N, C-alpha and C. Protein backbone atom coordinates (compact mmCIF):
# COMPACT_ATOMS: atom_id res chain seq x y z
N MET A 1 0.85 -1.17 0.00
CA MET A 1 0.00 0.00 0.00
C MET A 1 0.89 1.23 0.00
N ALA A 2 0.49 2.25 -0.69
CA ALA A 2 1.29 3.47 -0.80
C ALA A 2 1.29 4.22 0.52
N SER A 3 2.46 4.72 0.90
CA SER A 3 2.53 5.56 2.09
C SER A 3 2.28 6.99 1.66
N GLY A 4 2.15 7.90 2.63
CA GLY A 4 1.89 9.29 2.32
C GLY A 4 2.92 9.89 1.38
N SER A 5 4.19 9.49 1.53
CA SER A 5 5.24 10.06 0.68
C SER A 5 5.22 9.48 -0.73
N ASP A 6 4.54 8.37 -0.94
CA ASP A 6 4.47 7.74 -2.25
C ASP A 6 3.31 8.24 -3.09
N LEU A 7 2.55 9.19 -2.59
CA LEU A 7 1.33 9.61 -3.27
C LEU A 7 1.54 10.82 -4.18
N ASP A 8 2.78 11.09 -4.57
CA ASP A 8 3.09 12.17 -5.51
C ASP A 8 2.41 13.49 -5.16
N GLY A 9 2.67 13.97 -3.96
CA GLY A 9 2.16 15.28 -3.59
C GLY A 9 0.76 15.29 -3.04
N CYS A 10 0.10 14.17 -3.01
CA CYS A 10 -1.25 14.12 -2.47
C CYS A 10 -1.18 14.31 -0.96
N ALA A 11 -1.94 15.24 -0.45
CA ALA A 11 -1.89 15.55 0.97
C ALA A 11 -2.74 14.60 1.81
N VAL A 12 -3.49 13.72 1.17
CA VAL A 12 -4.38 12.84 1.90
C VAL A 12 -3.60 11.65 2.45
N ARG A 13 -3.69 11.44 3.74
CA ARG A 13 -3.10 10.26 4.39
C ARG A 13 -4.18 9.64 5.24
N ARG A 14 -4.24 8.34 5.22
CA ARG A 14 -5.22 7.64 6.03
C ARG A 14 -4.52 6.90 7.15
N GLU A 15 -5.18 6.79 8.28
CA GLU A 15 -4.61 6.06 9.41
C GLU A 15 -4.31 4.62 9.02
N ALA A 16 -5.18 4.02 8.19
CA ALA A 16 -4.99 2.62 7.80
C ALA A 16 -3.70 2.42 7.04
N ASP A 17 -3.20 3.45 6.34
CA ASP A 17 -1.95 3.32 5.60
C ASP A 17 -0.77 3.09 6.52
N ALA A 18 -0.89 3.49 7.76
CA ALA A 18 0.22 3.41 8.68
C ALA A 18 0.61 1.97 9.01
N ASP A 19 -0.35 1.07 9.17
CA ASP A 19 -0.03 -0.29 9.57
C ASP A 19 -1.02 -1.28 8.97
N ILE A 20 -0.82 -1.63 7.72
CA ILE A 20 -1.71 -2.56 7.03
C ILE A 20 -1.61 -3.97 7.61
N SER A 21 -0.51 -4.26 8.30
CA SER A 21 -0.33 -5.60 8.87
C SER A 21 -1.36 -5.91 9.94
N ALA A 22 -2.03 -4.89 10.46
CA ALA A 22 -3.05 -5.11 11.49
C ALA A 22 -4.32 -5.72 10.91
N LEU A 23 -4.48 -5.68 9.60
CA LEU A 23 -5.68 -6.23 8.95
C LEU A 23 -5.56 -7.75 8.89
N ASP A 24 -6.56 -8.44 9.39
CA ASP A 24 -6.57 -9.91 9.39
C ASP A 24 -7.17 -10.38 8.06
N LEU A 25 -6.31 -10.56 7.06
CA LEU A 25 -6.77 -10.92 5.72
C LEU A 25 -7.46 -12.28 5.70
N GLY A 26 -7.05 -13.18 6.55
CA GLY A 26 -7.69 -14.49 6.61
C GLY A 26 -9.14 -14.39 7.02
N ARG A 27 -9.43 -13.54 7.99
CA ARG A 27 -10.82 -13.34 8.42
C ARG A 27 -11.64 -12.68 7.33
N VAL A 28 -11.03 -11.75 6.61
CA VAL A 28 -11.73 -11.10 5.50
C VAL A 28 -12.08 -12.14 4.44
N ALA A 29 -11.12 -12.98 4.09
CA ALA A 29 -11.35 -14.02 3.07
C ALA A 29 -12.44 -14.99 3.52
N THR A 30 -12.43 -15.38 4.77
CA THR A 30 -13.46 -16.29 5.29
C THR A 30 -14.84 -15.63 5.22
N TYR A 31 -14.91 -14.36 5.59
CA TYR A 31 -16.17 -13.63 5.53
C TYR A 31 -16.71 -13.62 4.10
N VAL A 32 -15.86 -13.27 3.13
CA VAL A 32 -16.30 -13.19 1.73
C VAL A 32 -16.69 -14.58 1.22
N ALA A 33 -15.90 -15.60 1.56
CA ALA A 33 -16.18 -16.96 1.09
C ALA A 33 -17.52 -17.47 1.61
N GLU A 34 -17.92 -17.02 2.80
CA GLU A 34 -19.16 -17.48 3.41
C GLU A 34 -20.30 -16.47 3.29
N LEU A 35 -20.12 -15.45 2.46
CA LEU A 35 -21.07 -14.35 2.36
C LEU A 35 -22.48 -14.81 2.02
N GLU A 36 -22.61 -15.68 1.06
CA GLU A 36 -23.94 -16.11 0.65
C GLU A 36 -24.66 -16.84 1.77
N GLN A 37 -23.93 -17.61 2.57
CA GLN A 37 -24.53 -18.32 3.70
C GLN A 37 -24.94 -17.36 4.80
N ARG A 38 -24.24 -16.22 4.92
CA ARG A 38 -24.51 -15.26 5.98
C ARG A 38 -25.72 -14.38 5.69
N GLU A 39 -26.00 -14.15 4.41
CA GLU A 39 -27.09 -13.26 4.06
C GLU A 39 -28.44 -13.86 4.41
N SER A 40 -29.29 -13.05 4.97
CA SER A 40 -30.65 -13.50 5.24
C SER A 40 -31.40 -13.59 3.92
N LYS A 41 -32.46 -14.35 3.91
CA LYS A 41 -33.30 -14.45 2.71
C LYS A 41 -33.85 -13.08 2.33
N HIS A 42 -34.10 -12.25 3.33
CA HIS A 42 -34.60 -10.90 3.08
C HIS A 42 -33.57 -10.11 2.26
N TRP A 43 -32.30 -10.12 2.68
CA TRP A 43 -31.27 -9.38 1.96
C TRP A 43 -31.02 -9.98 0.58
N GLN A 44 -31.08 -11.31 0.48
CA GLN A 44 -30.91 -11.95 -0.82
C GLN A 44 -31.99 -11.47 -1.78
N TYR A 45 -33.21 -11.35 -1.29
CA TYR A 45 -34.31 -10.87 -2.11
C TYR A 45 -34.09 -9.42 -2.53
N LEU A 46 -33.68 -8.58 -1.57
CA LEU A 46 -33.49 -7.16 -1.87
C LEU A 46 -32.34 -6.91 -2.85
N LEU A 47 -31.33 -7.75 -2.83
CA LEU A 47 -30.15 -7.57 -3.68
C LEU A 47 -30.16 -8.44 -4.92
N GLU A 48 -31.20 -9.23 -5.09
CA GLU A 48 -31.25 -10.20 -6.19
C GLU A 48 -30.97 -9.55 -7.55
N HIS A 49 -31.52 -8.37 -7.79
CA HIS A 49 -31.37 -7.73 -9.09
C HIS A 49 -29.93 -7.26 -9.34
N LYS A 50 -29.09 -7.27 -8.32
CA LYS A 50 -27.69 -6.86 -8.45
C LYS A 50 -26.73 -8.01 -8.17
N LYS A 51 -27.23 -9.21 -8.10
CA LYS A 51 -26.43 -10.33 -7.63
C LYS A 51 -25.17 -10.54 -8.47
N LEU A 52 -25.25 -10.36 -9.78
CA LEU A 52 -24.07 -10.58 -10.60
C LEU A 52 -22.94 -9.62 -10.23
N SER A 53 -23.28 -8.39 -9.90
CA SER A 53 -22.25 -7.45 -9.44
C SER A 53 -21.68 -7.87 -8.09
N VAL A 54 -22.53 -8.37 -7.20
CA VAL A 54 -22.07 -8.86 -5.90
C VAL A 54 -21.12 -10.03 -6.10
N VAL A 55 -21.45 -10.92 -7.02
CA VAL A 55 -20.58 -12.06 -7.32
C VAL A 55 -19.23 -11.55 -7.82
N TYR A 56 -19.25 -10.57 -8.73
CA TYR A 56 -17.99 -10.01 -9.23
C TYR A 56 -17.15 -9.46 -8.08
N TRP A 57 -17.75 -8.65 -7.22
CA TRP A 57 -16.98 -8.04 -6.12
C TRP A 57 -16.44 -9.10 -5.18
N ALA A 58 -17.20 -10.15 -4.92
CA ALA A 58 -16.72 -11.23 -4.05
C ALA A 58 -15.55 -11.97 -4.70
N VAL A 59 -15.68 -12.32 -5.97
CA VAL A 59 -14.60 -13.04 -6.66
C VAL A 59 -13.36 -12.15 -6.76
N CYS A 60 -13.56 -10.88 -7.08
CA CYS A 60 -12.44 -9.95 -7.17
C CYS A 60 -11.73 -9.81 -5.82
N SER A 61 -12.51 -9.71 -4.75
CA SER A 61 -11.93 -9.62 -3.40
C SER A 61 -11.09 -10.84 -3.09
N MET A 62 -11.61 -12.01 -3.42
CA MET A 62 -10.86 -13.24 -3.14
C MET A 62 -9.59 -13.30 -3.98
N ALA A 63 -9.64 -12.81 -5.21
CA ALA A 63 -8.43 -12.78 -6.04
C ALA A 63 -7.39 -11.84 -5.44
N LEU A 64 -7.84 -10.66 -5.00
CA LEU A 64 -6.91 -9.70 -4.40
C LEU A 64 -6.32 -10.22 -3.09
N LEU A 65 -7.07 -11.04 -2.37
CA LEU A 65 -6.59 -11.61 -1.11
C LEU A 65 -5.74 -12.86 -1.33
N GLY A 66 -5.62 -13.28 -2.59
CA GLY A 66 -4.85 -14.49 -2.88
C GLY A 66 -5.57 -15.75 -2.44
N GLU A 67 -6.88 -15.72 -2.41
CA GLU A 67 -7.70 -16.83 -1.91
C GLU A 67 -8.68 -17.33 -2.97
N LEU A 68 -8.36 -17.14 -4.23
CA LEU A 68 -9.27 -17.50 -5.31
C LEU A 68 -9.62 -18.99 -5.31
N GLU A 69 -8.72 -19.81 -4.79
CA GLU A 69 -9.00 -21.25 -4.76
C GLU A 69 -10.15 -21.60 -3.81
N ARG A 70 -10.55 -20.66 -2.97
CA ARG A 70 -11.65 -20.91 -2.02
C ARG A 70 -13.02 -20.64 -2.63
N VAL A 71 -13.09 -20.04 -3.80
CA VAL A 71 -14.41 -19.77 -4.39
C VAL A 71 -14.95 -21.03 -5.05
N LYS A 72 -16.25 -21.10 -5.14
CA LYS A 72 -16.92 -22.25 -5.76
C LYS A 72 -16.98 -22.00 -7.26
N ARG A 73 -15.86 -22.24 -7.93
CA ARG A 73 -15.68 -21.89 -9.34
C ARG A 73 -16.80 -22.43 -10.22
N THR A 74 -17.07 -23.72 -10.15
CA THR A 74 -18.07 -24.35 -11.01
C THR A 74 -19.45 -23.74 -10.79
N GLU A 75 -19.82 -23.53 -9.52
CA GLU A 75 -21.12 -22.94 -9.21
C GLU A 75 -21.21 -21.50 -9.70
N ILE A 76 -20.14 -20.75 -9.52
CA ILE A 76 -20.14 -19.35 -9.94
C ILE A 76 -20.26 -19.24 -11.45
N ILE A 77 -19.50 -20.05 -12.17
CA ILE A 77 -19.57 -20.02 -13.64
C ILE A 77 -20.98 -20.39 -14.10
N ALA A 78 -21.57 -21.41 -13.49
CA ALA A 78 -22.94 -21.81 -13.86
C ALA A 78 -23.92 -20.68 -13.58
N TYR A 79 -23.76 -20.00 -12.45
CA TYR A 79 -24.65 -18.88 -12.13
C TYR A 79 -24.51 -17.76 -13.16
N VAL A 80 -23.27 -17.37 -13.46
CA VAL A 80 -23.06 -16.29 -14.43
C VAL A 80 -23.65 -16.67 -15.79
N LYS A 81 -23.46 -17.90 -16.20
CA LYS A 81 -24.04 -18.36 -17.46
C LYS A 81 -25.56 -18.30 -17.44
N SER A 82 -26.17 -18.48 -16.26
CA SER A 82 -27.63 -18.42 -16.16
C SER A 82 -28.15 -16.99 -16.36
N CYS A 83 -27.29 -16.00 -16.26
CA CYS A 83 -27.66 -14.60 -16.46
C CYS A 83 -27.54 -14.17 -17.92
N TYR A 84 -27.06 -15.06 -18.78
CA TYR A 84 -26.83 -14.74 -20.19
C TYR A 84 -28.13 -14.73 -20.98
N HIS A 85 -28.22 -13.77 -21.90
CA HIS A 85 -29.37 -13.66 -22.80
C HIS A 85 -28.90 -13.95 -24.22
N GLU A 86 -29.19 -15.16 -24.65
CA GLU A 86 -28.75 -15.61 -25.97
C GLU A 86 -29.32 -14.74 -27.09
N GLU A 87 -30.52 -14.19 -26.88
CA GLU A 87 -31.17 -13.42 -27.94
C GLU A 87 -30.45 -12.11 -28.26
N ASN A 88 -29.68 -11.56 -27.28
CA ASN A 88 -28.98 -10.30 -27.58
C ASN A 88 -27.52 -10.29 -27.18
N GLY A 89 -27.03 -11.33 -26.51
CA GLY A 89 -25.62 -11.44 -26.18
C GLY A 89 -25.18 -10.76 -24.90
N GLY A 90 -26.14 -10.21 -24.12
CA GLY A 90 -25.80 -9.54 -22.87
C GLY A 90 -26.12 -10.38 -21.66
N TYR A 91 -25.73 -9.86 -20.50
CA TYR A 91 -25.99 -10.53 -19.22
C TYR A 91 -26.84 -9.63 -18.34
N GLY A 92 -27.77 -10.24 -17.62
CA GLY A 92 -28.59 -9.49 -16.68
C GLY A 92 -27.99 -9.55 -15.28
N GLY A 93 -28.52 -8.75 -14.37
CA GLY A 93 -28.03 -8.71 -13.00
C GLY A 93 -28.37 -9.97 -12.21
N HIS A 94 -29.30 -10.75 -12.71
CA HIS A 94 -29.69 -12.03 -12.13
C HIS A 94 -30.30 -12.84 -13.27
N SER A 95 -30.55 -14.10 -13.03
CA SER A 95 -31.00 -14.98 -14.11
C SER A 95 -32.31 -14.56 -14.75
N ASP A 96 -33.14 -13.81 -14.05
CA ASP A 96 -34.41 -13.40 -14.64
C ASP A 96 -34.47 -11.90 -14.93
N GLN A 97 -33.34 -11.27 -15.01
CA GLN A 97 -33.26 -9.82 -15.26
C GLN A 97 -32.84 -9.56 -16.71
N ASP A 98 -33.31 -8.44 -17.26
CA ASP A 98 -32.92 -8.06 -18.62
C ASP A 98 -31.42 -7.79 -18.70
N ALA A 99 -30.88 -8.00 -19.88
CA ALA A 99 -29.45 -7.75 -20.11
C ALA A 99 -29.15 -6.26 -19.96
N HIS A 100 -27.98 -5.97 -19.43
CA HIS A 100 -27.54 -4.59 -19.21
C HIS A 100 -26.03 -4.55 -19.38
N LEU A 101 -25.53 -3.43 -19.86
CA LEU A 101 -24.10 -3.27 -20.09
C LEU A 101 -23.29 -3.46 -18.81
N LEU A 102 -23.75 -2.92 -17.69
CA LEU A 102 -23.03 -3.05 -16.42
C LEU A 102 -22.86 -4.52 -16.03
N TYR A 103 -23.93 -5.29 -16.12
CA TYR A 103 -23.86 -6.69 -15.70
C TYR A 103 -23.10 -7.53 -16.72
N THR A 104 -23.12 -7.11 -17.96
CA THR A 104 -22.31 -7.79 -18.97
C THR A 104 -20.83 -7.62 -18.63
N LEU A 105 -20.45 -6.42 -18.23
CA LEU A 105 -19.08 -6.18 -17.79
C LEU A 105 -18.76 -7.05 -16.57
N SER A 106 -19.65 -7.09 -15.60
CA SER A 106 -19.41 -7.92 -14.41
C SER A 106 -19.22 -9.39 -14.79
N ALA A 107 -20.04 -9.88 -15.71
CA ALA A 107 -19.92 -11.27 -16.14
C ALA A 107 -18.55 -11.52 -16.78
N LEU A 108 -18.13 -10.62 -17.66
CA LEU A 108 -16.83 -10.79 -18.31
C LEU A 108 -15.69 -10.74 -17.29
N GLN A 109 -15.81 -9.87 -16.30
CA GLN A 109 -14.78 -9.77 -15.27
C GLN A 109 -14.71 -11.06 -14.44
N VAL A 110 -15.86 -11.63 -14.11
CA VAL A 110 -15.87 -12.89 -13.36
C VAL A 110 -15.23 -13.99 -14.19
N PHE A 111 -15.63 -14.11 -15.44
CA PHE A 111 -15.02 -15.13 -16.31
C PHE A 111 -13.51 -14.94 -16.42
N ALA A 112 -13.06 -13.71 -16.55
CA ALA A 112 -11.62 -13.44 -16.66
C ALA A 112 -10.90 -13.83 -15.37
N LEU A 113 -11.46 -13.45 -14.23
CA LEU A 113 -10.83 -13.78 -12.95
C LEU A 113 -10.76 -15.29 -12.71
N LEU A 114 -11.76 -16.01 -13.21
CA LEU A 114 -11.81 -17.46 -13.02
C LEU A 114 -11.18 -18.22 -14.19
N ASP A 115 -10.50 -17.50 -15.08
CA ASP A 115 -9.85 -18.11 -16.25
C ASP A 115 -10.86 -18.97 -17.03
N ALA A 116 -12.02 -18.37 -17.30
CA ALA A 116 -13.09 -19.10 -17.97
C ALA A 116 -13.63 -18.32 -19.17
N MET A 117 -12.77 -17.56 -19.83
CA MET A 117 -13.23 -16.77 -20.98
C MET A 117 -13.72 -17.65 -22.13
N ASP A 118 -13.37 -18.93 -22.10
CA ASP A 118 -13.87 -19.85 -23.12
C ASP A 118 -15.37 -20.08 -22.99
N GLU A 119 -15.96 -19.63 -21.89
CA GLU A 119 -17.41 -19.74 -21.67
C GLU A 119 -18.17 -18.60 -22.34
N VAL A 120 -17.46 -17.63 -22.90
CA VAL A 120 -18.08 -16.41 -23.44
C VAL A 120 -18.20 -16.50 -24.95
N ASP A 121 -19.38 -16.17 -25.46
CA ASP A 121 -19.58 -16.01 -26.89
C ASP A 121 -19.17 -14.57 -27.20
N THR A 122 -17.89 -14.37 -27.49
CA THR A 122 -17.36 -13.01 -27.63
C THR A 122 -18.00 -12.24 -28.78
N VAL A 123 -18.36 -12.91 -29.84
CA VAL A 123 -19.00 -12.24 -30.97
C VAL A 123 -20.36 -11.69 -30.54
N ALA A 124 -21.14 -12.51 -29.85
CA ALA A 124 -22.47 -12.06 -29.39
C ALA A 124 -22.35 -10.93 -28.38
N VAL A 125 -21.38 -11.02 -27.47
CA VAL A 125 -21.19 -9.96 -26.47
C VAL A 125 -20.78 -8.66 -27.17
N MET A 126 -19.90 -8.75 -28.14
CA MET A 126 -19.49 -7.54 -28.86
C MET A 126 -20.66 -6.93 -29.62
N ARG A 127 -21.52 -7.75 -30.18
CA ARG A 127 -22.73 -7.22 -30.83
C ARG A 127 -23.60 -6.48 -29.82
N PHE A 128 -23.74 -7.06 -28.63
CA PHE A 128 -24.53 -6.42 -27.57
C PHE A 128 -23.93 -5.07 -27.20
N VAL A 129 -22.62 -5.04 -26.99
CA VAL A 129 -21.95 -3.79 -26.61
C VAL A 129 -22.08 -2.76 -27.73
N CYS A 130 -21.82 -3.16 -28.95
CA CYS A 130 -21.92 -2.22 -30.08
C CYS A 130 -23.33 -1.68 -30.25
N ALA A 131 -24.32 -2.50 -29.98
CA ALA A 131 -25.72 -2.06 -30.10
C ALA A 131 -26.09 -1.05 -29.02
N ARG A 132 -25.31 -0.98 -27.94
CA ARG A 132 -25.58 -0.03 -26.86
C ARG A 132 -24.96 1.34 -27.13
N GLN A 133 -24.09 1.44 -28.15
CA GLN A 133 -23.42 2.72 -28.40
C GLN A 133 -24.37 3.70 -29.07
N ASN A 134 -24.38 4.92 -28.53
CA ASN A 134 -25.20 6.00 -29.07
C ASN A 134 -24.44 6.76 -30.14
N GLU A 135 -25.16 7.58 -30.90
CA GLU A 135 -24.55 8.34 -31.99
C GLU A 135 -23.42 9.25 -31.53
N ASP A 136 -23.52 9.77 -30.31
CA ASP A 136 -22.48 10.69 -29.80
C ASP A 136 -21.27 9.96 -29.23
N GLY A 137 -21.29 8.62 -29.28
CA GLY A 137 -20.16 7.83 -28.78
C GLY A 137 -20.37 7.28 -27.39
N SER A 138 -21.34 7.80 -26.66
CA SER A 138 -21.64 7.30 -25.32
C SER A 138 -22.37 5.96 -25.43
N PHE A 139 -22.69 5.36 -24.28
CA PHE A 139 -23.36 4.07 -24.28
C PHE A 139 -24.62 4.12 -23.42
N SER A 140 -25.62 3.36 -23.83
CA SER A 140 -26.82 3.14 -23.04
C SER A 140 -26.66 1.78 -22.38
N GLY A 141 -27.16 1.64 -21.17
CA GLY A 141 -26.99 0.40 -20.45
C GLY A 141 -27.81 -0.75 -21.00
N ASP A 142 -29.03 -0.43 -21.48
CA ASP A 142 -29.91 -1.48 -21.97
C ASP A 142 -30.70 -0.98 -23.17
N GLU A 143 -31.60 -1.83 -23.63
CA GLU A 143 -32.39 -1.50 -24.82
C GLU A 143 -33.47 -0.49 -24.50
């Protein structure tokens, strides 16, 4: 982690930068690995429409913690594939949600982190992304 002097003139310093060794990374990894079991059914329902992003953040966290082997790779890949929309090449935030550019990005990031890009129909995904581009060069998230 960068110290205050490594921030190229940035005056912002955080207390956490002083001693990162105090962070128990093992406990963090265990918490993330067991996240789905910890969530109440109520929270799972409330976050269902964003689940693919939650999966991305969990997998990314485990990769950053060096604990990627603890994720349920096969189950995660199957879940992400269940969010795919063959008719337009995009991914929804959950298996019953419409495809959106944000969740398509999350799906690709999960596949990349899990070394599973062979699961992606790259031509269909590129068609989906290209179809989201507006005349001014910006992008719309969905149809």
